[in-house]
Amino acid sequence: QQHIPQYPVLAKIVADIGQIQTEQAIPALRLPVVDEWLETAVSLAQGHAGEAITNAMWEMADRFHWVTAYANYAGEPDIDLLRQNMAYTEVAGPTNLYQAHINYPCSNIFFGFLLQAPHTYYPPHVHKAEEFYFVLSGTAVWQRGREWQVRPPGSFIHHGSGVVHAMQTHHEPLLALAAWTSDLNSELVIVREP
């Protein structure tokens, strides 16, 4: 409650999630990175601020359809490596969003979970959507604009519309809750230095 005034959109996220009622049956899918790292990431969340969220996610994990992003960049070595070592699940959002494996359809918010294996670089990327992350487990280094910061479990990260950002994991997997609150059909664009 104390942090909601700093980020008023948190109240909107909580309210929007609270309105979701109907679960949609979708085929579950687990990728190799999920099989290898999700249980470790869940165990690393124990005793941290996101423990309850992580445990609730773990109880539902067998119903999630995990996917990877950036098929349109396939063949680029850093993206191919990312695609092998990162996955996300679309828990709630519009059914026309990306790969549309949504457990809980809704039109005003997207949220899901991101899992990134250790020693994985998620290159600079950008989208029009305003984005929020809550780090559940795994200390990673996050870049927003040109600034890099170490973000441990319990960190809240905000990327405004059009802000270039990147993530680098080291010896731990990263598990984070991700939410988009605007421009839900934004394109994900990898940003390359000239």
N, C-alpha and C. Protein backbone atom coordinates (compact mmCIF):
# COMPACT_ATOMS: atom_id res chain seq x y z
N GLN A 1 0.82 -1.20 0.00
CA GLN A 1 0.00 0.00 0.00
C GLN A 1 0.86 1.26 0.00
N GLN A 2 1.96 1.24 0.73
CA GLN A 2 2.80 2.41 0.87
C GLN A 2 3.43 2.84 -0.45
N HIS A 3 3.71 1.90 -1.37
CA HIS A 3 4.38 2.22 -2.62
C HIS A 3 3.40 2.61 -3.73
N ILE A 4 2.12 2.40 -3.55
CA ILE A 4 1.16 2.71 -4.60
C ILE A 4 1.16 4.20 -4.97
N PRO A 5 1.27 5.16 -4.03
CA PRO A 5 1.31 6.56 -4.46
C PRO A 5 2.48 6.87 -5.39
N GLN A 6 3.64 6.22 -5.19
CA GLN A 6 4.78 6.46 -6.06
C GLN A 6 4.48 5.97 -7.48
N TYR A 7 3.77 4.89 -7.60
CA TYR A 7 3.38 4.32 -8.89
C TYR A 7 1.86 4.13 -8.87
N PRO A 8 1.09 5.18 -9.14
CA PRO A 8 -0.37 5.08 -9.07
C PRO A 8 -0.92 3.98 -9.96
N VAL A 9 -0.19 3.62 -11.00
CA VAL A 9 -0.68 2.58 -11.90
C VAL A 9 -0.78 1.22 -11.20
N LEU A 10 -0.06 1.04 -10.09
CA LEU A 10 -0.17 -0.23 -9.36
C LEU A 10 -1.59 -0.47 -8.89
N ALA A 11 -2.27 0.57 -8.45
CA ALA A 11 -3.66 0.42 -8.04
C ALA A 11 -4.51 -0.04 -9.21
N LYS A 12 -4.23 0.50 -10.41
CA LYS A 12 -4.96 0.09 -11.61
C LYS A 12 -4.66 -1.37 -11.95
N ILE A 13 -3.40 -1.76 -11.86
CA ILE A 13 -3.03 -3.15 -12.15
C ILE A 13 -3.77 -4.10 -11.22
N VAL A 14 -3.75 -3.80 -9.93
CA VAL A 14 -4.43 -4.64 -8.95
C VAL A 14 -5.93 -4.70 -9.24
N ALA A 15 -6.53 -3.55 -9.55
CA ALA A 15 -7.97 -3.51 -9.85
C ALA A 15 -8.29 -4.30 -11.12
N ASP A 16 -7.46 -4.13 -12.17
CA ASP A 16 -7.70 -4.85 -13.42
C ASP A 16 -7.57 -6.36 -13.24
N ILE A 17 -6.56 -6.78 -12.50
CA ILE A 17 -6.39 -8.22 -12.24
C ILE A 17 -7.58 -8.74 -11.43
N GLY A 18 -8.07 -7.93 -10.51
CA GLY A 18 -9.21 -8.33 -9.70
C GLY A 18 -10.48 -8.54 -10.50
N GLN A 19 -10.59 -7.93 -11.68
CA GLN A 19 -11.79 -8.07 -12.52
C GLN A 19 -11.76 -9.33 -13.39
N ILE A 20 -10.63 -9.98 -13.49
CA ILE A 20 -10.51 -11.17 -14.35
C ILE A 20 -11.23 -12.33 -13.67
N GLN A 21 -12.15 -12.97 -14.41
CA GLN A 21 -12.94 -14.02 -13.78
C GLN A 21 -12.95 -15.34 -14.53
N THR A 22 -12.88 -15.33 -15.84
CA THR A 22 -13.09 -16.54 -16.62
C THR A 22 -11.78 -17.10 -17.14
N GLU A 23 -11.51 -18.34 -16.79
CA GLU A 23 -10.31 -18.99 -17.32
C GLU A 23 -10.63 -19.62 -18.67
N GLN A 24 -9.72 -19.45 -19.60
CA GLN A 24 -9.85 -20.02 -20.94
C GLN A 24 -8.97 -21.27 -21.01
N ALA A 25 -9.51 -22.35 -21.53
CA ALA A 25 -8.72 -23.58 -21.67
C ALA A 25 -7.74 -23.42 -22.82
N ILE A 26 -6.46 -23.56 -22.52
CA ILE A 26 -5.42 -23.51 -23.55
C ILE A 26 -4.50 -24.70 -23.36
N PRO A 27 -3.82 -25.13 -24.41
CA PRO A 27 -2.89 -26.25 -24.24
C PRO A 27 -1.65 -25.80 -23.46
N ALA A 28 -1.30 -26.55 -22.45
CA ALA A 28 -0.10 -26.24 -21.68
C ALA A 28 1.12 -26.59 -22.52
N LEU A 29 2.19 -25.84 -22.33
CA LEU A 29 3.44 -26.10 -23.03
C LEU A 29 4.59 -25.64 -22.15
N ARG A 30 5.58 -26.52 -22.01
CA ARG A 30 6.79 -26.16 -21.27
C ARG A 30 7.97 -26.28 -22.22
N LEU A 31 8.78 -25.27 -22.25
CA LEU A 31 9.98 -25.27 -23.07
C LEU A 31 11.15 -25.82 -22.26
N PRO A 32 12.22 -26.27 -22.93
CA PRO A 32 13.37 -26.81 -22.19
C PRO A 32 13.93 -25.87 -21.12
N VAL A 33 13.98 -24.56 -21.38
CA VAL A 33 14.49 -23.63 -20.38
C VAL A 33 13.59 -23.63 -19.14
N VAL A 34 12.30 -23.83 -19.31
CA VAL A 34 11.37 -23.89 -18.18
C VAL A 34 11.61 -25.17 -17.40
N ASP A 35 11.74 -26.29 -18.11
CA ASP A 35 12.02 -27.56 -17.43
C ASP A 35 13.31 -27.48 -16.63
N GLU A 36 14.29 -26.80 -17.18
CA GLU A 36 15.61 -26.74 -16.52
C GLU A 36 15.68 -25.75 -15.37
N TRP A 37 14.97 -24.61 -15.44
CA TRP A 37 15.22 -23.53 -14.49
C TRP A 37 14.04 -23.06 -13.65
N LEU A 38 12.81 -23.42 -13.98
CA LEU A 38 11.68 -22.87 -13.22
C LEU A 38 11.68 -23.31 -11.77
N GLU A 39 11.88 -24.57 -11.52
CA GLU A 39 11.87 -25.05 -10.13
C GLU A 39 12.97 -24.38 -9.30
N THR A 40 14.14 -24.21 -9.88
CA THR A 40 15.23 -23.50 -9.18
C THR A 40 14.82 -22.07 -8.88
N ALA A 41 14.23 -21.39 -9.87
CA ALA A 41 13.80 -20.01 -9.67
C ALA A 41 12.75 -19.91 -8.56
N VAL A 42 11.83 -20.86 -8.53
CA VAL A 42 10.80 -20.88 -7.48
C VAL A 42 11.45 -21.07 -6.11
N SER A 43 12.41 -21.97 -6.01
CA SER A 43 13.06 -22.20 -4.71
C SER A 43 13.85 -20.97 -4.26
N LEU A 44 14.44 -20.24 -5.21
CA LEU A 44 15.19 -19.03 -4.85
C LEU A 44 14.27 -17.90 -4.38
N ALA A 45 12.99 -17.96 -4.69
CA ALA A 45 12.04 -16.92 -4.28
C ALA A 45 11.62 -17.06 -2.82
N GLN A 46 11.83 -18.23 -2.25
CA GLN A 46 11.38 -18.46 -0.88
C GLN A 46 12.11 -17.52 0.07
N GLY A 47 11.32 -16.86 0.93
CA GLY A 47 11.87 -15.92 1.89
C GLY A 47 12.01 -14.50 1.35
N HIS A 48 11.61 -14.27 0.11
CA HIS A 48 11.67 -12.93 -0.48
C HIS A 48 10.27 -12.34 -0.61
N ALA A 49 10.21 -11.08 -0.98
CA ALA A 49 8.94 -10.34 -1.05
C ALA A 49 7.94 -10.98 -2.00
N GLY A 50 8.40 -11.64 -3.05
CA GLY A 50 7.50 -12.23 -4.03
C GLY A 50 7.17 -13.69 -3.79
N GLU A 51 7.45 -14.19 -2.60
CA GLU A 51 7.25 -15.61 -2.31
C GLU A 51 5.81 -16.05 -2.54
N ALA A 52 4.83 -15.30 -2.06
CA ALA A 52 3.42 -15.71 -2.21
C ALA A 52 3.01 -15.74 -3.68
N ILE A 53 3.42 -14.72 -4.46
CA ILE A 53 3.10 -14.70 -5.89
C ILE A 53 3.76 -15.89 -6.58
N THR A 54 5.01 -16.14 -6.25
CA THR A 54 5.75 -17.25 -6.87
C THR A 54 5.09 -18.58 -6.54
N ASN A 55 4.70 -18.78 -5.31
CA ASN A 55 4.07 -20.04 -4.92
C ASN A 55 2.73 -20.22 -5.63
N ALA A 56 1.96 -19.14 -5.78
CA ALA A 56 0.69 -19.22 -6.52
C ALA A 56 0.95 -19.57 -7.99
N MET A 57 1.98 -18.95 -8.57
CA MET A 57 2.35 -19.26 -9.96
C MET A 57 2.75 -20.73 -10.08
N TRP A 58 3.53 -21.23 -9.15
CA TRP A 58 4.01 -22.62 -9.17
C TRP A 58 2.83 -23.60 -9.12
N GLU A 59 1.81 -23.27 -8.32
CA GLU A 59 0.63 -24.13 -8.23
C GLU A 59 -0.13 -24.20 -9.56
N MET A 60 -0.03 -23.15 -10.37
CA MET A 60 -0.72 -23.10 -11.67
C MET A 60 0.20 -23.46 -12.84
N ALA A 61 1.46 -23.70 -12.59
CA ALA A 61 2.46 -23.82 -13.66
C ALA A 61 2.13 -24.88 -14.70
N ASP A 62 1.46 -25.94 -14.29
CA ASP A 62 1.13 -27.01 -15.24
C ASP A 62 0.04 -26.60 -16.23
N ARG A 63 -0.60 -25.43 -16.02
CA ARG A 63 -1.62 -24.94 -16.95
C ARG A 63 -1.10 -23.86 -17.89
N PHE A 64 0.13 -23.42 -17.70
CA PHE A 64 0.68 -22.33 -18.50
C PHE A 64 1.24 -22.82 -19.83
N HIS A 65 1.17 -21.95 -20.81
CA HIS A 65 1.73 -22.19 -22.14
C HIS A 65 2.93 -21.25 -22.27
N TRP A 66 4.13 -21.78 -22.08
CA TRP A 66 5.35 -20.98 -22.13
C TRP A 66 5.78 -20.83 -23.59
N VAL A 67 6.19 -19.63 -23.94
CA VAL A 67 6.64 -19.33 -25.30
C VAL A 67 7.93 -18.51 -25.22
N THR A 68 8.50 -18.28 -26.37
CA THR A 68 9.65 -17.40 -26.46
C THR A 68 9.35 -16.32 -27.50
N ALA A 69 10.12 -15.27 -27.49
CA ALA A 69 9.84 -14.12 -28.35
C ALA A 69 10.87 -14.01 -29.47
N TYR A 70 10.61 -13.06 -30.33
CA TYR A 70 11.56 -12.63 -31.36
C TYR A 70 11.80 -13.64 -32.47
N ALA A 71 10.76 -14.35 -32.89
CA ALA A 71 10.89 -15.27 -34.03
C ALA A 71 11.33 -14.50 -35.27
N ASN A 72 10.92 -13.24 -35.37
CA ASN A 72 11.29 -12.43 -36.53
C ASN A 72 12.78 -12.05 -36.55
N TYR A 73 13.50 -12.33 -35.46
CA TYR A 73 14.95 -12.08 -35.41
C TYR A 73 15.74 -13.39 -35.43
N ALA A 74 15.06 -14.51 -35.64
CA ALA A 74 15.74 -15.81 -35.66
C ALA A 74 16.87 -15.78 -36.68
N GLY A 75 17.97 -16.43 -36.33
CA GLY A 75 19.14 -16.44 -37.20
C GLY A 75 20.20 -15.46 -36.75
N GLU A 76 19.82 -14.50 -35.89
CA GLU A 76 20.81 -13.59 -35.32
C GLU A 76 21.35 -14.28 -34.07
N PRO A 77 22.68 -14.49 -33.97
CA PRO A 77 23.24 -15.33 -32.90
C PRO A 77 22.81 -14.95 -31.49
N ASP A 78 22.81 -13.66 -31.15
CA ASP A 78 22.43 -13.29 -29.78
C ASP A 78 20.95 -13.55 -29.51
N ILE A 79 20.12 -13.38 -30.52
CA ILE A 79 18.69 -13.63 -30.35
C ILE A 79 18.42 -15.13 -30.29
N ASP A 80 19.10 -15.92 -31.10
CA ASP A 80 18.94 -17.37 -31.02
C ASP A 80 19.31 -17.88 -29.63
N LEU A 81 20.38 -17.34 -29.06
CA LEU A 81 20.79 -17.72 -27.70
C LEU A 81 19.74 -17.29 -26.68
N LEU A 82 19.21 -16.08 -26.83
CA LEU A 82 18.15 -15.62 -25.94
C LEU A 82 16.93 -16.52 -26.05
N ARG A 83 16.53 -16.86 -27.25
CA ARG A 83 15.33 -17.68 -27.47
C ARG A 83 15.48 -19.07 -26.83
N GLN A 84 16.68 -19.56 -26.69
CA GLN A 84 16.91 -20.85 -26.03
C GLN A 84 16.89 -20.72 -24.50
N ASN A 85 17.15 -19.51 -24.00
CA ASN A 85 17.37 -19.32 -22.56
C ASN A 85 16.39 -18.37 -21.89
N MET A 86 15.29 -18.05 -22.56
CA MET A 86 14.27 -17.18 -21.99
C MET A 86 12.91 -17.68 -22.44
N ALA A 87 11.94 -17.59 -21.54
CA ALA A 87 10.56 -17.95 -21.88
C ALA A 87 9.64 -17.05 -21.07
N TYR A 88 8.42 -16.90 -21.57
CA TYR A 88 7.42 -16.18 -20.80
C TYR A 88 6.07 -16.86 -21.00
N THR A 89 5.19 -16.61 -20.06
CA THR A 89 3.83 -17.12 -20.17
C THR A 89 2.87 -15.95 -20.06
N GLU A 90 1.87 -15.94 -20.93
CA GLU A 90 0.87 -14.88 -20.99
C GLU A 90 -0.32 -15.30 -20.13
N VAL A 91 -0.36 -14.88 -18.89
CA VAL A 91 -1.41 -15.32 -17.98
C VAL A 91 -2.73 -14.61 -18.26
N ALA A 92 -2.68 -13.29 -18.41
CA ALA A 92 -3.91 -12.52 -18.67
C ALA A 92 -3.61 -11.45 -19.70
N GLY A 93 -4.59 -11.22 -20.56
CA GLY A 93 -4.43 -10.18 -21.57
C GLY A 93 -5.37 -10.41 -22.73
N PRO A 94 -5.24 -9.57 -23.75
CA PRO A 94 -6.09 -9.72 -24.93
C PRO A 94 -5.77 -11.02 -25.66
N THR A 95 -6.78 -11.65 -26.21
CA THR A 95 -6.56 -12.93 -26.90
C THR A 95 -5.91 -12.75 -28.26
N ASN A 96 -5.76 -11.51 -28.72
CA ASN A 96 -5.07 -11.28 -29.99
C ASN A 96 -3.63 -10.83 -29.77
N LEU A 97 -3.11 -10.99 -28.57
CA LEU A 97 -1.76 -10.55 -28.22
C LEU A 97 -0.74 -11.60 -28.62
N TYR A 98 0.19 -11.23 -29.46
CA TYR A 98 1.30 -12.09 -29.86
C TYR A 98 0.83 -13.49 -30.18
N GLN A 99 1.21 -14.45 -29.35
CA GLN A 99 0.91 -15.84 -29.66
C GLN A 99 -0.42 -16.27 -29.06
N ALA A 100 -1.05 -15.41 -28.29
CA ALA A 100 -2.42 -15.58 -27.79
C ALA A 100 -2.66 -16.88 -27.04
N HIS A 101 -1.75 -17.23 -26.17
CA HIS A 101 -1.95 -18.38 -25.29
C HIS A 101 -2.27 -17.83 -23.90
N ILE A 102 -3.42 -17.20 -23.80
CA ILE A 102 -3.84 -16.47 -22.61
C ILE A 102 -4.73 -17.36 -21.75
N ASN A 103 -4.38 -17.50 -20.47
CA ASN A 103 -5.22 -18.26 -19.55
C ASN A 103 -6.48 -17.49 -19.16
N TYR A 104 -6.34 -16.18 -18.98
CA TYR A 104 -7.45 -15.36 -18.52
C TYR A 104 -7.62 -14.16 -19.46
N PRO A 105 -8.57 -14.23 -20.40
CA PRO A 105 -8.76 -13.13 -21.35
C PRO A 105 -9.24 -11.86 -20.65
N CYS A 106 -8.64 -10.75 -21.02
CA CYS A 106 -9.10 -9.43 -20.60
C CYS A 106 -8.50 -8.42 -21.58
N SER A 107 -9.12 -7.27 -21.69
CA SER A 107 -8.70 -6.32 -22.72
C SER A 107 -7.90 -5.13 -22.20
N ASN A 108 -7.82 -4.94 -20.89
CA ASN A 108 -7.23 -3.71 -20.39
C ASN A 108 -5.87 -3.87 -19.71
N ILE A 109 -5.32 -5.08 -19.66
CA ILE A 109 -4.01 -5.29 -19.05
C ILE A 109 -3.41 -6.58 -19.62
N PHE A 110 -2.10 -6.64 -19.66
CA PHE A 110 -1.41 -7.89 -19.95
C PHE A 110 -0.52 -8.16 -18.75
N PHE A 111 -0.54 -9.39 -18.25
CA PHE A 111 0.49 -9.76 -17.29
C PHE A 111 0.82 -11.23 -17.44
N GLY A 112 2.03 -11.52 -17.05
CA GLY A 112 2.53 -12.89 -17.13
C GLY A 112 3.84 -12.99 -16.38
N PHE A 113 4.56 -14.06 -16.64
CA PHE A 113 5.83 -14.30 -15.96
C PHE A 113 6.93 -14.47 -16.98
N LEU A 114 8.09 -13.92 -16.67
CA LEU A 114 9.29 -14.04 -17.49
C LEU A 114 10.29 -14.90 -16.74
N LEU A 115 10.87 -15.87 -17.43
CA LEU A 115 11.93 -16.71 -16.87
C LEU A 115 13.15 -16.57 -17.78
N GLN A 116 14.29 -16.24 -17.19
CA GLN A 116 15.52 -16.08 -17.96
C GLN A 116 16.61 -16.90 -17.27
N ALA A 117 17.25 -17.79 -18.02
CA ALA A 117 18.29 -18.67 -17.48
C ALA A 117 19.50 -17.87 -17.02
N PRO A 118 20.34 -18.48 -16.18
CA PRO A 118 21.58 -17.81 -15.78
C PRO A 118 22.47 -17.53 -17.00
N HIS A 119 23.32 -16.53 -16.84
CA HIS A 119 24.32 -16.18 -17.86
C HIS A 119 23.68 -15.90 -19.22
N THR A 120 22.55 -15.18 -19.18
CA THR A 120 21.81 -14.88 -20.41
C THR A 120 21.64 -13.37 -20.54
N TYR A 121 21.93 -12.89 -21.73
CA TYR A 121 21.80 -11.47 -22.05
C TYR A 121 20.55 -11.26 -22.89
N TYR A 122 19.66 -10.42 -22.41
CA TYR A 122 18.46 -10.02 -23.15
C TYR A 122 18.80 -8.65 -23.72
N PRO A 123 19.10 -8.59 -25.03
CA PRO A 123 19.62 -7.36 -25.62
C PRO A 123 18.65 -6.18 -25.49
N PRO A 124 19.17 -4.96 -25.70
CA PRO A 124 18.31 -3.78 -25.64
C PRO A 124 17.12 -3.92 -26.59
N HIS A 125 15.97 -3.58 -26.06
CA HIS A 125 14.74 -3.67 -26.83
C HIS A 125 13.80 -2.56 -26.37
N VAL A 126 12.76 -2.34 -27.15
CA VAL A 126 11.85 -1.24 -26.87
C VAL A 126 10.46 -1.60 -27.37
N HIS A 127 9.46 -0.99 -26.77
CA HIS A 127 8.08 -1.15 -27.21
C HIS A 127 7.30 0.07 -26.73
N LYS A 128 6.17 0.27 -27.34
CA LYS A 128 5.33 1.42 -26.98
C LYS A 128 4.63 1.21 -25.63
N ALA A 129 4.39 -0.03 -25.27
CA ALA A 129 3.68 -0.33 -24.03
C ALA A 129 4.46 0.15 -22.81
N GLU A 130 3.72 0.67 -21.84
CA GLU A 130 4.31 0.95 -20.53
C GLU A 130 4.40 -0.39 -19.80
N GLU A 131 5.55 -0.65 -19.19
CA GLU A 131 5.82 -1.99 -18.65
C GLU A 131 6.30 -1.90 -17.20
N PHE A 132 5.87 -2.87 -16.42
CA PHE A 132 6.28 -2.98 -15.03
C PHE A 132 6.75 -4.40 -14.76
N TYR A 133 7.85 -4.53 -14.05
CA TYR A 133 8.35 -5.83 -13.61
C TYR A 133 8.42 -5.84 -12.09
N PHE A 134 8.12 -6.99 -11.50
CA PHE A 134 8.38 -7.23 -10.09
C PHE A 134 9.26 -8.47 -10.04
N VAL A 135 10.50 -8.30 -9.57
CA VAL A 135 11.46 -9.41 -9.54
C VAL A 135 11.09 -10.36 -8.41
N LEU A 136 10.78 -11.60 -8.78
CA LEU A 136 10.40 -12.62 -7.80
C LEU A 136 11.61 -13.39 -7.29
N SER A 137 12.54 -13.70 -8.18
CA SER A 137 13.76 -14.39 -7.75
C SER A 137 14.87 -14.12 -8.76
N GLY A 138 16.09 -14.23 -8.27
CA GLY A 138 17.26 -14.03 -9.11
C GLY A 138 17.68 -12.58 -9.17
N THR A 139 18.88 -12.32 -8.71
CA THR A 139 19.44 -10.98 -8.84
C THR A 139 20.02 -10.86 -10.24
N ALA A 140 19.64 -9.82 -10.95
CA ALA A 140 20.11 -9.59 -12.32
C ALA A 140 20.48 -8.12 -12.47
N VAL A 141 21.14 -7.83 -13.56
CA VAL A 141 21.49 -6.45 -13.88
C VAL A 141 20.53 -5.98 -14.96
N TRP A 142 19.89 -4.84 -14.71
CA TRP A 142 18.89 -4.29 -15.62
C TRP A 142 19.39 -2.97 -16.17
N GLN A 143 19.16 -2.75 -17.43
CA GLN A 143 19.52 -1.49 -18.07
C GLN A 143 18.24 -0.76 -18.47
N ARG A 144 18.21 0.51 -18.14
CA ARG A 144 17.11 1.38 -18.59
C ARG A 144 17.79 2.61 -19.18
N GLY A 145 17.58 2.85 -20.48
CA GLY A 145 18.35 3.89 -21.15
C GLY A 145 19.79 3.43 -21.21
N ARG A 146 20.71 4.20 -20.68
CA ARG A 146 22.13 3.81 -20.65
C ARG A 146 22.56 3.34 -19.27
N GLU A 147 21.70 3.48 -18.27
CA GLU A 147 22.05 3.17 -16.89
C GLU A 147 21.80 1.69 -16.56
N TRP A 148 22.80 1.03 -15.97
CA TRP A 148 22.67 -0.35 -15.50
C TRP A 148 22.54 -0.34 -13.98
N GLN A 149 21.66 -1.22 -13.44
CA GLN A 149 21.48 -1.34 -12.00
C GLN A 149 21.29 -2.80 -11.63
N VAL A 150 21.87 -3.20 -10.50
CA VAL A 150 21.63 -4.53 -9.95
C VAL A 150 20.26 -4.50 -9.30
N ARG A 151 19.41 -5.47 -9.66
CA ARG A 151 18.05 -5.51 -9.13
C ARG A 151 17.80 -6.87 -8.49
N PRO A 152 17.75 -6.93 -7.16
CA PRO A 152 17.51 -8.18 -6.45
C PRO A 152 16.01 -8.51 -6.38
N PRO A 153 15.68 -9.69 -5.86
CA PRO A 153 14.27 -10.02 -5.64
C PRO A 153 13.59 -8.94 -4.79
N GLY A 154 12.35 -8.65 -5.14
CA GLY A 154 11.60 -7.60 -4.46
C GLY A 154 11.69 -6.26 -5.17
N SER A 155 12.54 -6.17 -6.18
CA SER A 155 12.67 -4.91 -6.93
C SER A 155 11.46 -4.69 -7.83
N PHE A 156 11.07 -3.45 -7.93
CA PHE A 156 9.99 -3.03 -8.82
C PHE A 156 10.64 -2.18 -9.90
N ILE A 157 10.39 -2.52 -11.16
CA ILE A 157 11.05 -1.86 -12.28
C ILE A 157 9.99 -1.32 -13.23
N HIS A 158 10.14 -0.07 -13.61
CA HIS A 158 9.19 0.58 -14.52
C HIS A 158 9.91 1.00 -15.79
N HIS A 159 9.37 0.61 -16.94
CA HIS A 159 9.85 1.08 -18.23
C HIS A 159 8.72 1.87 -18.87
N GLY A 160 8.91 3.16 -18.98
CA GLY A 160 7.92 3.99 -19.65
C GLY A 160 7.86 3.66 -21.14
N SER A 161 6.84 4.15 -21.78
CA SER A 161 6.68 3.93 -23.22
C SER A 161 7.91 4.42 -23.97
N GLY A 162 8.46 3.56 -24.84
CA GLY A 162 9.59 3.94 -25.66
C GLY A 162 10.94 3.93 -24.98
N VAL A 163 11.03 3.46 -23.74
CA VAL A 163 12.31 3.42 -23.03
C VAL A 163 13.06 2.14 -23.40
N VAL A 164 14.27 2.29 -23.90
CA VAL A 164 15.10 1.13 -24.26
C VAL A 164 15.58 0.48 -22.97
N HIS A 165 15.49 -0.86 -22.91
CA HIS A 165 15.91 -1.58 -21.72
C HIS A 165 16.47 -2.95 -22.08
N ALA A 166 17.26 -3.52 -21.16
CA ALA A 166 17.91 -4.81 -21.36
C ALA A 166 18.10 -5.46 -20.00
N MET A 167 18.37 -6.78 -20.00
CA MET A 167 18.62 -7.51 -18.77
C MET A 167 19.77 -8.49 -18.97
N GLN A 168 20.56 -8.68 -17.91
CA GLN A 168 21.66 -9.64 -17.93
C GLN A 168 21.60 -10.45 -16.64
N THR A 169 21.47 -11.76 -16.77
CA THR A 169 21.55 -12.62 -15.60
C THR A 169 22.99 -13.09 -15.44
N HIS A 170 23.32 -13.47 -14.22
CA HIS A 170 24.65 -14.01 -13.96
C HIS A 170 24.50 -15.44 -13.46
N HIS A 171 24.73 -15.71 -12.19
CA HIS A 171 24.73 -17.11 -11.73
C HIS A 171 23.36 -17.64 -11.32
N GLU A 172 22.31 -16.81 -11.32
CA GLU A 172 20.97 -17.25 -10.93
C GLU A 172 19.99 -17.05 -12.08
N PRO A 173 18.96 -17.90 -12.16
CA PRO A 173 17.88 -17.61 -13.10
C PRO A 173 17.06 -16.43 -12.59
N LEU A 174 16.43 -15.73 -13.49
CA LEU A 174 15.56 -14.60 -13.16
C LEU A 174 14.12 -15.03 -13.38
N LEU A 175 13.27 -14.80 -12.39
CA LEU A 175 11.83 -14.99 -12.52
C LEU A 175 11.18 -13.68 -12.12
N ALA A 176 10.36 -13.13 -13.02
CA ALA A 176 9.72 -11.84 -12.74
C ALA A 176 8.28 -11.85 -13.22
N LEU A 177 7.44 -11.15 -12.49
CA LEU A 177 6.08 -10.84 -12.93
C LEU A 177 6.21 -9.64 -13.85
N ALA A 178 5.59 -9.70 -15.01
CA ALA A 178 5.63 -8.60 -15.96
C ALA A 178 4.21 -8.14 -16.26
N ALA A 179 4.03 -6.83 -16.39
CA ALA A 179 2.70 -6.29 -16.74
C ALA A 179 2.86 -5.15 -17.72
N TRP A 180 1.99 -5.15 -18.71
CA TRP A 180 1.85 -4.02 -19.63
C TRP A 180 0.51 -3.38 -19.33
N THR A 181 0.50 -2.04 -19.25
CA THR A 181 -0.73 -1.34 -18.88
C THR A 181 -1.25 -0.43 -19.98
N SER A 182 -0.55 -0.35 -21.09
CA SER A 182 -1.01 0.48 -22.21
C SER A 182 -0.48 -0.12 -23.50
N ASP A 183 -1.10 0.22 -24.61
CA ASP A 183 -0.61 -0.23 -25.93
C ASP A 183 -0.26 -1.72 -25.92
N LEU A 184 -1.24 -2.53 -25.56
CA LEU A 184 -1.00 -3.95 -25.32
C LEU A 184 -0.57 -4.72 -26.56
N ASN A 185 -0.80 -4.19 -27.73
CA ASN A 185 -0.39 -4.87 -28.96
C ASN A 185 0.90 -4.28 -29.53
N SER A 186 1.69 -3.64 -28.69
CA SER A 186 2.94 -3.04 -29.14
C SER A 186 3.89 -4.08 -29.72
N GLU A 187 4.64 -3.66 -30.71
CA GLU A 187 5.66 -4.53 -31.30
C GLU A 187 6.92 -4.47 -30.44
N LEU A 188 7.55 -5.63 -30.23
CA LEU A 188 8.84 -5.70 -29.56
C LEU A 188 9.93 -5.50 -30.60
N VAL A 189 10.81 -4.53 -30.37
CA VAL A 189 11.86 -4.21 -31.34
C VAL A 189 13.22 -4.28 -30.66
N ILE A 190 14.12 -5.09 -31.21
CA ILE A 190 15.50 -5.14 -30.73
C ILE A 190 16.20 -3.87 -31.21
N VAL A 191 16.94 -3.24 -30.31
CA VAL A 191 17.65 -2.00 -30.64
C VAL A 191 19.12 -2.33 -30.83
N ARG A 192 19.63 -2.05 -32.00
CA ARG A 192 21.04 -2.28 -32.31
C ARG A 192 21.79 -0.96 -32.30
N GLU A 193 22.99 -0.97 -31.71
CA GLU A 193 23.84 0.22 -31.74
C GLU A 193 24.30 0.46 -33.17
N PRO A 194 24.33 1.72 -33.62
CA PRO A 194 24.77 1.99 -35.00
C PRO A 194 26.27 1.75 -35.18
